[in-house]
């Protein structure tokens, strides 16, 4: 594997390839809580852009989108703010950061164990299909995971000479500013460090308090600038997700979901190696296992569950997987081949095929920007809300609309969002909303499952299908296998 410099070059190359081999959408937050916000922060002079309800209610902070706004600004100054660069450069930046994190994990294990174990952990990390699927995405969960690896490399675990209380606490604090849930995996680790520390008062006065004040202060100032008022987003986030448990608006799962589905799915074929590694690993690594179990338990108490929420514990798991692989001796090569091959298929399938339509369809919308038709164009995306990115993937002041779905924060029992009202009677909704021909959108974009239901509206109002975009092999509910682009015929070409 060579020293850190050749290893870093190799890893950056791999993660860059990884970035270009992930062309699918995962969850709306990938765009709506980062790129869309950054795009609006910088290009709002033309008054185009959109902020979701979380921003209106101060649940999200501007620190993470600010990174992408900085990238956009650099591209703008270089006169390179082309839509393709606006899409790919943030992802490439994330890929380079992921490569640094992979090498940090390698160096940490090499320092704690030896080069052979470090190679095994590094191999397991690179093989993980879920890491491949997630590590180059512009998700707060991705940044939370990368910062967790960086913090881990400075954590004062027994036998470590690289430990630095100030550095690891600063990195955790930064992760918490970006996504408050980052505190969860670190509670057992910080508590364990505090118990072992002889000079507890020094740790509090010289590390906890200054690091806490600087990061909270910086976060407050950044948010004050962009919100225009003082907002403590971390507190609002906690109130909404934990105390009011309003995340259930986006679906709920049984308490055991992370144990029976969440963790087994994101670990995939690494699962037996993880279990084997937990049995074998020395006592000092028990704190890592504690962090994994504790995080999964805490998230299990919240009813809204997603795979990405437990992504930050994956690096801890990889340490155990690598430990297992190293101790398989005669079986090591066969086990490594099995891990590589069994992760390759899910990584390529989820990265290149599953749910790619919602990104591919954006290129059809982009084309409207370069036509003389742009000022008259009006695109209406009739899909489950936030199914596609928005202006960050179009980059021109095109008139666009999508179905809204903010949760009700007033306690109104009979509240139904716009998307639900639409799906309860699509035909009726369209006829009521566009009662006058002058109000009609020039383009309608929707999933194939909706076509039959609104066919009479399409025929009567003179729409024709101009594009069919593949989306998924496993259509569910409101999400169809394909996305259709319909264009209103003008009087000239009718």
Protein backbone atom coordinates (compact mmCIF):
# COMPACT_ATOMS: atom_id res chain seq x y z
CA UNK A 1 0.00 0.00 0.00
CA UNK A 2 3.08 2.29 0.22
CA UNK A 3 3.45 5.31 2.49
CA UNK A 4 0.73 7.93 3.09
CA UNK A 5 1.65 10.08 0.02
CA UNK A 6 1.39 7.33 -2.67
CA UNK A 7 -1.57 5.88 -0.78
CA UNK A 8 -3.31 9.27 -0.78
CA UNK A 9 -2.75 9.70 -4.53
CA UNK A 10 -4.18 6.23 -5.18
CA UNK A 11 -7.16 6.88 -2.87
CA UNK A 12 -7.94 10.26 -4.44
CA UNK A 13 -7.91 8.58 -7.88
CA UNK A 14 -10.25 5.84 -6.61
CA UNK A 15 -12.68 8.24 -4.95
CA UNK A 16 -12.70 10.45 -8.08
CA UNK A 17 -13.68 7.39 -10.11
CA UNK A 18 -16.20 6.61 -7.35
CA UNK A 19 -17.67 10.11 -7.77
CA UNK A 20 -18.24 9.68 -11.52
CA UNK A 21 -19.68 6.18 -11.05
CA UNK A 22 -22.43 7.49 -8.76
CA UNK A 23 -25.05 9.07 -11.02
CA UNK A 24 -28.20 8.24 -9.09
CA UNK A 25 -30.24 10.11 -6.50
CA UNK A 26 -30.39 8.88 -2.91
CA UNK A 27 -32.49 11.29 -0.81
CA UNK A 28 -33.71 14.87 -1.46
CA UNK A 29 -31.48 16.33 1.30
CA UNK A 30 -28.47 15.70 -0.96
CA UNK A 31 -29.51 18.81 -2.92
CA UNK A 32 -32.18 20.60 -0.95
CA UNK A 33 -30.13 21.05 2.24
CA UNK A 34 -26.83 21.86 0.57
CA UNK A 35 -26.56 22.75 -3.13
CA UNK A 36 -29.96 24.44 -3.47
CA UNK A 37 -29.22 26.57 -0.42
CA UNK A 38 -25.72 27.45 -1.66
CA UNK A 39 -27.08 28.30 -5.11
CA UNK A 40 -29.65 30.62 -3.60
CA UNK A 41 -27.07 32.24 -1.27
CA UNK A 42 -24.91 33.21 -4.23
CA UNK A 43 -27.18 33.62 -7.24
CA UNK A 44 -30.29 35.06 -5.62
CA UNK A 45 -29.73 38.42 -7.37
CA UNK A 46 -31.95 37.09 -10.16
CA UNK A 47 -34.48 36.16 -7.48
CA UNK A 48 -34.52 32.50 -8.34
CA UNK A 49 -33.90 29.72 -5.87
CA UNK A 50 -35.90 27.95 -3.22
CA UNK A 51 -35.52 27.22 0.47
CA UNK A 52 -37.46 24.35 2.06
CA UNK A 53 -39.57 24.78 5.17
CA UNK A 54 -36.66 23.71 7.43
CA UNK A 55 -34.90 26.98 6.57
CA UNK A 56 -38.00 29.07 7.17
CA UNK A 57 -38.19 27.53 10.66
CA UNK A 58 -34.47 27.76 11.47
CA UNK A 59 -33.89 24.00 11.70
CA UNK A 60 -30.82 24.03 9.47
CA UNK A 61 -27.62 26.05 9.64
CA UNK A 62 -25.75 27.78 6.83
CA UNK A 63 -22.29 26.46 7.77
CA UNK A 64 -22.41 23.42 5.45
CA UNK A 65 -24.01 25.14 2.39
CA UNK A 66 -21.44 27.93 2.86
CA UNK A 67 -18.71 25.47 1.73
CA UNK A 68 -20.53 24.95 -1.58
CA UNK A 69 -21.35 28.64 -1.91
CA UNK A 70 -17.57 29.19 -1.65
CA UNK A 71 -16.99 26.68 -4.47
CA UNK A 72 -19.70 28.37 -6.57
CA UNK A 73 -18.14 31.78 -5.91
CA UNK A 74 -14.71 30.54 -7.05
CA UNK A 75 -16.27 29.15 -10.25
CA UNK A 76 -18.12 32.42 -10.79
CA UNK A 77 -14.92 34.49 -10.39
CA UNK A 78 -13.19 32.22 -12.91
CA UNK A 79 -16.19 32.70 -15.25
CA UNK A 80 -16.67 28.92 -15.13
CA UNK A 81 -20.09 28.80 -13.44
CA UNK A 82 -21.35 26.37 -16.05
CA UNK A 83 -24.22 24.15 -14.83
CA UNK A 84 -22.18 20.92 -15.25
CA UNK A 85 -19.33 22.30 -13.14
CA UNK A 86 -21.80 23.54 -10.52
CA UNK A 87 -23.09 19.96 -10.27
CA UNK A 88 -19.78 18.07 -10.34
CA UNK A 89 -17.21 20.27 -8.54
CA UNK A 90 -18.97 20.07 -5.12
CA UNK A 91 -19.16 16.28 -5.55
CA UNK A 92 -15.47 16.08 -6.50
CA UNK A 93 -14.56 18.17 -3.44
CA UNK A 94 -16.50 15.70 -1.31
CA UNK A 95 -14.69 12.80 -3.04
CA UNK A 96 -11.24 14.28 -2.26
CA UNK A 97 -12.27 14.77 1.37
CA UNK A 98 -13.48 11.13 1.48
CA UNK A 99 -10.06 10.00 0.17
CA UNK A 100 -8.29 11.93 2.96
CA UNK A 101 -10.63 10.27 5.49
CA UNK A 102 -9.85 6.79 4.09
CA UNK A 103 -6.11 7.44 4.47
CA UNK A 104 -6.62 8.83 8.00
CA UNK A 105 -8.39 5.59 8.94
CA UNK A 106 -5.47 3.59 7.47
CA UNK A 107 -2.89 5.68 9.40
CA UNK A 108 -4.85 5.35 12.65
CA UNK A 109 -4.97 1.54 12.47
CA UNK A 110 -1.32 1.36 11.36
CA UNK A 111 -0.39 3.44 14.41
CA UNK A 112 -2.53 1.39 16.82
CA UNK A 113 -1.78 -2.06 15.33
CA UNK A 114 0.49 -2.62 12.30
CA UNK A 115 0.62 -2.09 8.54
CA UNK A 116 -1.02 -5.46 7.78
CA UNK A 117 -4.12 -4.75 9.91
CA UNK A 118 -4.24 -1.20 8.51
CA UNK A 119 -4.27 -2.58 4.95
CA UNK A 120 -7.14 -4.91 5.86
CA UNK A 121 -9.20 -2.08 7.41
CA UNK A 122 -8.43 0.18 4.40
CA UNK A 123 -9.48 -2.62 2.03
CA UNK A 124 -12.77 -3.17 3.92
CA UNK A 125 -13.45 0.58 3.85
CA UNK A 126 -12.88 0.78 0.08
CA UNK A 127 -14.97 -2.34 -0.53
CA UNK A 128 -18.02 -1.16 1.39
CA UNK A 129 -20.86 -0.71 -1.11
CA UNK A 130 -22.68 1.79 1.11
CA UNK A 131 -19.57 3.95 1.57
CA UNK A 132 -19.11 3.88 -2.22
CA UNK A 133 -22.76 4.87 -2.65
CA UNK A 134 -22.68 7.71 -0.09
CA UNK A 135 -19.19 9.16 0.38
CA UNK A 136 -19.17 11.50 -2.64
CA UNK A 137 -22.69 12.83 -2.11
CA UNK A 138 -23.35 16.36 -0.83
CA UNK A 139 -25.24 15.11 2.23
CA UNK A 140 -24.74 16.42 5.76
CA UNK A 141 -24.56 12.74 6.82
CA UNK A 142 -21.53 12.28 4.54
CA UNK A 143 -19.72 15.26 6.07
CA UNK A 144 -20.68 14.04 9.55
CA UNK A 145 -19.10 10.63 8.73
CA UNK A 146 -15.90 12.11 7.27
CA UNK A 147 -15.44 14.43 10.26
CA UNK A 148 -16.04 11.46 12.56
CA UNK A 149 -13.11 9.62 10.89
CA UNK A 150 -10.87 12.70 11.20
CA UNK A 151 -11.85 13.09 14.87
CA UNK A 152 -11.24 9.38 15.47
CA UNK A 153 -7.65 9.73 14.26
CA UNK A 154 -6.96 12.20 17.11
CA UNK A 155 -9.00 10.40 19.77
CA UNK A 156 -6.81 9.48 22.76
CA UNK A 157 -7.47 5.72 22.75
CA UNK A 158 -5.19 3.53 24.89
CA UNK A 159 -1.85 3.01 23.15
CA UNK A 160 -2.25 6.03 20.87
CA UNK A 161 0.50 8.64 20.71
CA UNK A 162 -1.40 10.69 18.13
CA UNK A 163 -4.20 11.62 20.52
CA UNK A 164 -5.05 15.31 20.79
CA UNK A 165 -7.99 16.35 22.94
CA UNK A 166 -8.24 19.76 21.35
CA UNK A 167 -8.15 18.49 17.74
CA UNK A 168 -10.66 15.66 18.16
CA UNK A 169 -13.08 17.84 20.16
CA UNK A 170 -12.85 20.64 17.56
CA UNK A 171 -13.66 18.18 14.76
CA UNK A 172 -16.63 16.76 16.69
CA UNK A 173 -17.86 20.30 17.39
CA UNK A 174 -17.62 21.12 13.68
CA UNK A 175 -19.58 17.94 12.84
CA UNK A 176 -22.27 18.93 15.39
CA UNK A 177 -22.56 22.40 13.80
CA UNK A 178 -23.11 20.74 10.40
CA UNK A 179 -25.47 18.09 11.72
CA UNK A 180 -26.43 18.10 15.43
CA UNK A 181 -26.93 14.30 15.47
CA UNK A 182 -23.13 13.94 15.13
CA UNK A 183 -23.03 14.19 18.94
CA UNK A 184 -24.67 10.75 19.32
CA UNK A 185 -21.78 8.35 18.45
CA UNK A 186 -19.36 10.54 20.41
CA UNK A 187 -21.22 10.54 23.74
CA UNK A 188 -19.70 7.20 24.94
CA UNK A 189 -16.25 8.12 23.54
CA UNK A 190 -16.10 11.58 25.13
CA UNK A 191 -17.47 10.21 28.41
CA UNK A 192 -14.90 7.39 28.45
CA UNK A 193 -12.07 9.86 27.74
CA UNK A 194 -13.30 12.14 30.54
CA UNK A 195 -13.34 9.25 33.06
CA UNK A 196 -9.79 8.20 32.13
CA UNK A 197 -8.39 11.74 32.18
CA UNK A 198 -6.41 12.54 35.34
CA UNK A 199 -6.62 16.32 34.96
CA UNK A 200 -10.36 16.68 34.53
CA UNK A 201 -10.48 20.40 35.39
CA UNK A 202 -7.83 21.15 32.74
CA UNK A 203 -9.79 19.19 30.13
CA UNK A 204 -12.92 21.21 30.89
CA UNK A 205 -11.22 24.63 31.09
CA UNK A 206 -8.67 24.27 28.27
CA UNK A 207 -10.60 22.10 25.83
CA UNK A 208 -14.36 21.68 26.36
CA UNK A 209 -15.16 25.35 27.09
CA UNK A 210 -12.94 27.08 24.46
CA UNK A 211 -13.81 24.59 21.69
CA UNK A 212 -17.51 24.83 22.55
CA UNK A 213 -17.53 28.63 22.64
CA UNK A 214 -15.58 29.07 19.39
CA UNK A 215 -17.68 26.61 17.36
CA UNK A 216 -21.08 27.67 18.73
CA UNK A 217 -20.04 31.33 18.34
CA UNK A 218 -18.92 30.83 14.73
CA UNK A 219 -22.08 28.90 13.89
CA UNK A 220 -24.25 31.63 15.47
CA UNK A 221 -22.48 34.40 13.53
CA UNK A 222 -22.74 32.56 10.16
CA UNK A 223 -26.45 31.92 10.75
CA UNK A 224 -26.99 35.51 11.96
CA UNK A 225 -25.57 36.80 8.66
CA UNK A 226 -27.79 34.62 6.46
CA UNK A 227 -30.98 34.42 8.54
CA UNK A 228 -30.79 38.11 9.42
CA UNK A 229 -31.52 37.30 13.09
CA UNK A 230 -30.01 35.26 15.93
CA UNK A 231 -30.95 31.58 15.49
CA UNK A 232 -29.61 28.58 17.42
CA UNK A 233 -30.33 25.92 14.80
CA UNK A 234 -28.96 23.05 16.89
CA UNK A 235 -31.61 23.72 19.56
CA UNK A 236 -34.41 24.00 16.97
CA UNK A 237 -33.26 20.76 15.32
CA UNK A 238 -33.36 18.95 18.69
CA UNK A 239 -36.79 20.36 19.54
CA UNK A 240 -38.29 19.33 16.20
CA UNK A 241 -36.77 15.85 15.83
CA UNK A 242 -36.60 14.67 19.44
CA UNK A 243 -38.97 16.61 21.69
CA UNK A 244 -41.82 17.02 19.16
CA UNK A 245 -40.83 13.91 17.15
CA UNK A 246 -42.21 15.57 14.01
CA UNK A 247 -39.91 13.49 11.81
CA UNK A 248 -42.72 10.88 11.77
CA UNK A 249 -44.35 13.11 9.13
CA UNK A 250 -41.83 11.52 6.73
CA UNK A 251 -42.68 7.95 7.73
CA UNK A 252 -42.12 5.72 10.75
CA UNK A 253 -40.58 2.29 11.27
CA UNK A 254 -40.69 -0.31 14.07
CA UNK A 255 -38.17 0.14 16.93
CA UNK A 256 -35.99 -2.83 15.80
CA UNK A 257 -35.58 -1.59 12.18
CA UNK A 258 -31.90 -0.61 12.55
CA UNK A 259 -31.01 -4.00 14.04
CA UNK A 260 -33.02 -6.11 11.60
CA UNK A 261 -32.62 -4.01 8.42
CA UNK A 262 -30.65 -0.77 8.80
CA UNK A 263 -27.26 -2.03 9.99
CA UNK A 264 -27.35 -5.42 8.15
CA UNK A 265 -28.13 -3.63 4.84
CA UNK A 266 -25.45 -0.94 5.07
CA UNK A 267 -22.87 -3.51 6.25
CA UNK A 268 -23.93 -6.00 3.58
CA UNK A 269 -21.49 -8.91 3.24
CA UNK A 270 -19.19 -7.20 5.80
CA UNK A 271 -21.65 -8.31 8.53
CA UNK A 272 -20.05 -11.72 9.37
CA UNK A 273 -16.60 -10.08 9.40
CA UNK A 274 -17.89 -7.35 11.73
CA UNK A 275 -19.29 -9.94 14.18
CA UNK A 276 -16.09 -12.01 13.99
CA UNK A 277 -13.98 -8.86 14.50
CA UNK A 278 -16.00 -7.85 17.57
CA UNK A 279 -15.19 -11.23 19.16
CA UNK A 280 -11.47 -11.03 18.30
CA UNK A 281 -10.62 -7.38 18.86
CA UNK A 282 -8.64 -6.35 21.94
CA UNK A 283 -10.36 -4.84 24.97
CA UNK A 284 -9.38 -1.25 24.12
CA UNK A 285 -11.59 -1.33 21.00
CA UNK A 286 -14.69 -2.08 23.05
CA UNK A 287 -15.33 1.65 23.21
CA UNK A 288 -15.78 1.64 19.39
CA UNK A 289 -18.30 -1.17 19.66
CA UNK A 290 -20.04 0.76 22.45
CA UNK A 291 -20.31 3.76 20.10
CA UNK A 292 -21.95 1.58 17.40
CA UNK A 293 -24.44 -0.09 19.76
CA UNK A 294 -25.26 3.16 21.59
CA UNK A 295 -25.87 5.06 18.29
CA UNK A 296 -28.14 2.34 16.91
CA UNK A 297 -30.06 2.20 20.20
CA UNK A 298 -30.55 5.99 20.34
CA UNK A 299 -31.76 6.14 16.74
CA UNK A 300 -34.07 3.19 17.41
CA UNK A 301 -36.03 5.32 19.88
CA UNK A 302 -36.97 7.78 17.09
CA UNK A 303 -39.80 6.61 14.87
CA UNK A 304 -38.48 8.10 11.59
CA UNK A 305 -35.58 5.91 10.43
CA UNK A 306 -33.25 6.02 7.42
CA UNK A 307 -30.14 4.09 6.35
CA UNK A 308 -28.06 7.27 6.09
CA UNK A 309 -28.64 8.21 9.74
CA UNK A 310 -26.34 5.40 10.93
CA UNK A 311 -23.74 5.93 8.18
CA UNK A 312 -21.36 7.64 10.71
CA UNK A 313 -20.88 4.35 12.62
CA UNK A 314 -19.73 2.51 9.49
CA UNK A 315 -16.02 3.51 9.92
CA UNK A 316 -16.09 2.05 13.47
CA UNK A 317 -17.48 -1.17 12.01
CA UNK A 318 -14.72 -1.26 9.36
CA UNK A 319 -12.06 -1.39 12.09
CA UNK A 320 -13.61 -4.66 13.33
CA UNK A 321 -14.07 -6.00 9.78
CA UNK A 322 -10.40 -5.36 9.02
CA UNK A 323 -9.36 -7.00 12.28
CA UNK A 324 -11.36 -10.08 11.30
CA UNK A 325 -9.90 -10.19 7.78
CA UNK A 326 -6.33 -9.98 9.08
CA UNK A 327 -6.87 -12.95 11.41
CA UNK A 328 -8.29 -15.23 8.71
CA UNK A 329 -4.67 -16.09 7.72
CA UNK A 330 -4.99 -18.93 5.13
CA UNK A 331 -8.49 -17.80 4.16
CA UNK A 332 -7.57 -14.13 3.88
CA UNK A 333 -7.26 -13.99 0.07
CA UNK A 334 -10.50 -15.87 -0.52
CA UNK A 335 -12.33 -13.70 2.03
CA UNK A 336 -10.97 -10.51 0.42
CA UNK A 337 -12.07 -11.69 -3.05
CA UNK A 338 -15.51 -12.53 -1.65
CA UNK A 339 -15.83 -9.04 -0.08
CA UNK A 340 -14.74 -7.29 -3.26
CA UNK A 341 -17.00 -9.23 -5.62
CA UNK A 342 -20.07 -9.25 -3.36
CA UNK A 343 -19.87 -5.45 -2.89
CA UNK A 344 -19.08 -4.60 -6.50
CA UNK A 345 -22.52 -5.45 -7.87
CA UNK A 346 -24.62 -3.49 -5.31
CA UNK A 347 -22.17 -0.55 -5.53
CA UNK A 348 -22.40 -0.33 -9.34
CA UNK A 349 -26.14 -1.04 -9.49
CA UNK A 350 -27.12 1.55 -6.85
CA UNK A 351 -24.58 4.04 -8.19
CA UNK A 352 -25.36 3.81 -11.91
CA UNK A 353 -28.87 2.40 -12.34
CA UNK A 354 -31.25 2.57 -9.35
CA UNK A 355 -33.08 5.94 -9.11
CA UNK A 356 -31.14 7.75 -11.81
CA UNK A 357 -34.15 9.26 -13.59
CA UNK A 358 -34.60 12.20 -11.25
CA UNK A 359 -31.10 13.43 -12.18
CA UNK A 360 -31.24 12.49 -15.87
CA UNK A 361 -34.49 14.41 -16.35
CA UNK A 362 -32.74 17.63 -15.23
CA UNK A 363 -30.71 17.68 -18.46
CA UNK A 364 -34.02 17.94 -20.39
CA UNK A 365 -34.93 20.97 -18.28
CA UNK A 366 -31.43 22.49 -18.72
CA UNK A 367 -31.95 22.51 -22.50
CA UNK A 368 -34.77 25.04 -22.07
CA UNK A 369 -32.21 27.53 -20.71
CA UNK A 370 -30.35 27.69 -24.01
CA UNK A 371 -33.41 28.20 -26.18
CA UNK A 372 -35.14 31.41 -27.25
CA UNK A 373 -38.20 29.81 -25.63
CA UNK A 374 -36.77 30.26 -22.09
CA UNK A 375 -38.83 33.32 -21.10
CA UNK A 376 -42.14 31.60 -21.98
CA UNK A 377 -41.22 28.20 -20.51
CA UNK A 378 -42.89 27.03 -17.29
CA UNK A 379 -41.92 23.63 -15.91
CA UNK A 380 -44.20 21.87 -13.44
CA UNK A 381 -42.74 18.84 -11.68
CA UNK A 382 -45.70 16.68 -10.61
CA UNK A 383 -43.80 14.15 -8.51
CA UNK A 384 -43.57 13.34 -4.78
CA UNK A 385 -42.09 16.59 -3.50
CA UNK A 386 -38.34 17.20 -3.77
CA UNK A 387 -37.99 14.16 -6.07
CA UNK A 388 -35.57 16.11 -8.28
CA UNK A 389 -32.98 18.79 -7.60
CA UNK A 390 -34.02 22.31 -8.57
CA UNK A 391 -32.10 25.45 -9.62
CA UNK A 392 -28.68 24.07 -8.63
CA UNK A 393 -29.05 21.64 -11.58
CA UNK A 394 -30.59 24.14 -14.02
CA UNK A 395 -28.73 27.39 -13.26
CA UNK A 396 -30.97 29.77 -15.16
CA UNK A 397 -34.04 31.77 -14.01
CA UNK A 398 -36.52 29.39 -15.58
CA UNK A 399 -40.05 29.43 -14.18
CA UNK A 400 -40.40 26.16 -12.25
CA UNK A 401 -42.81 24.71 -9.75
CA UNK A 402 -43.16 21.47 -7.78
CA UNK A 403 -45.72 19.99 -5.39
CA UNK A 404 -45.19 21.32 -1.85
CA UNK A 405 -45.18 19.13 1.26
CA UNK A 406 -44.17 21.03 4.41
CA UNK A 407 -45.33 19.42 7.67
CA UNK A 408 -47.87 21.28 9.77
CA UNK A 409 -46.21 22.97 12.73
CA UNK A 410 -49.40 24.50 14.14
CA UNK A 411 -50.98 21.31 15.51
CA UNK A 412 -53.83 21.28 12.98
CA UNK A 413 -55.19 17.70 13.04
CA UNK A 414 -56.87 17.88 9.61
CA UNK A 415 -53.83 19.30 7.78
CA UNK A 416 -53.03 17.76 4.36
CA UNK A 417 -50.09 19.00 2.29
CA UNK A 418 -50.34 20.02 -1.38
CA UNK A 419 -48.72 16.79 -2.69
CA UNK A 420 -51.21 14.61 -0.78
CA UNK A 421 -54.15 16.71 -1.96
CA UNK A 422 -52.88 16.36 -5.55
CA UNK A 423 -52.41 12.58 -5.34
CA UNK A 424 -55.85 12.04 -3.81
CA UNK A 425 -57.41 13.28 -7.10
CA UNK A 426 -54.81 14.30 -9.73
CA UNK A 427 -57.28 14.99 -12.54
CA UNK A 428 -59.60 17.09 -10.39
CA UNK A 429 -56.66 19.02 -8.92
CA UNK A 430 -55.19 19.84 -12.37
CA UNK A 431 -58.55 21.01 -13.78
CA UNK A 432 -59.11 23.21 -10.74
CA UNK A 433 -55.56 24.61 -10.59
CA UNK A 434 -55.27 25.32 -14.33
CA UNK A 435 -58.85 26.41 -14.98
CA UNK A 436 -57.59 28.91 -17.56
CA UNK A 437 -55.37 28.00 -20.55
CA UNK A 438 -53.09 30.97 -19.89
CA UNK A 439 -52.07 29.39 -16.56
CA UNK A 440 -50.94 26.09 -18.13
CA UNK A 441 -47.29 25.02 -17.74
CA UNK A 442 -45.32 24.56 -20.97
CA UNK A 443 -43.81 21.33 -19.61
CA UNK A 444 -45.13 18.67 -17.24
CA UNK A 445 -42.78 16.17 -15.62
CA UNK A 446 -44.16 13.16 -13.77
CA UNK A 447 -43.70 9.45 -13.03
CA UNK A 448 -45.16 6.94 -15.51
CA UNK A 449 -47.65 5.62 -12.91
CA UNK A 450 -49.56 8.91 -13.12
CA UNK A 451 -50.03 8.97 -16.91
CA UNK A 452 -53.22 6.93 -17.16
CA UNK A 453 -54.98 8.92 -14.45
CA UNK A 454 -54.38 12.30 -16.12
CA UNK A 455 -54.49 11.18 -19.78
CA UNK A 456 -57.74 13.07 -20.51
CA UNK A 457 -56.22 16.33 -19.17
CA UNK A 458 -53.08 15.82 -21.31
CA UNK A 459 -55.11 15.14 -24.48
CA UNK A 460 -57.59 17.96 -23.95
CA UNK A 461 -54.94 20.60 -23.19
CA UNK A 462 -52.72 19.57 -26.11
CA UNK A 463 -49.72 17.99 -24.38
CA UNK A 464 -47.44 15.52 -26.16
CA UNK A 465 -44.75 13.29 -24.66
CA UNK A 466 -41.28 14.44 -25.72
CA UNK A 467 -39.05 12.28 -23.50
CA UNK A 468 -39.09 9.04 -21.50
CA UNK A 469 -36.40 8.70 -18.83
CA UNK A 470 -35.61 5.45 -17.00
CA UNK A 471 -35.72 5.74 -13.20
CA UNK A 472 -35.86 2.40 -11.36
CA UNK A 473 -36.55 -1.33 -11.74
CA UNK A 474 -38.51 -1.32 -8.46
CA UNK A 475 -41.33 1.22 -8.77
CA UNK A 476 -43.27 1.74 -5.52
CA UNK A 477 -46.44 3.69 -4.83
CA UNK A 478 -46.19 7.14 -6.37
CA UNK A 479 -42.74 6.43 -7.84
CA UNK A 480 -42.86 4.89 -11.32
CA UNK A 481 -40.25 3.00 -13.33
CA UNK A 482 -39.92 5.89 -15.80
CA UNK A 483 -40.25 9.67 -15.79
CA UNK A 484 -42.20 11.29 -18.63
CA UNK A 485 -41.62 14.77 -20.01
CA UNK A 486 -44.71 16.27 -21.67
CA UNK A 487 -44.65 19.48 -23.66
CA UNK A 488 -47.61 21.67 -24.56
CA UNK A 489 -47.99 21.93 -28.31
CA UNK A 490 -47.89 25.54 -29.44
CA UNK A 491 -50.32 26.87 -32.07
CA UNK A 492 -47.48 26.85 -34.59
CA UNK A 493 -46.71 23.13 -34.35
CA UNK A 494 -50.20 21.90 -33.48
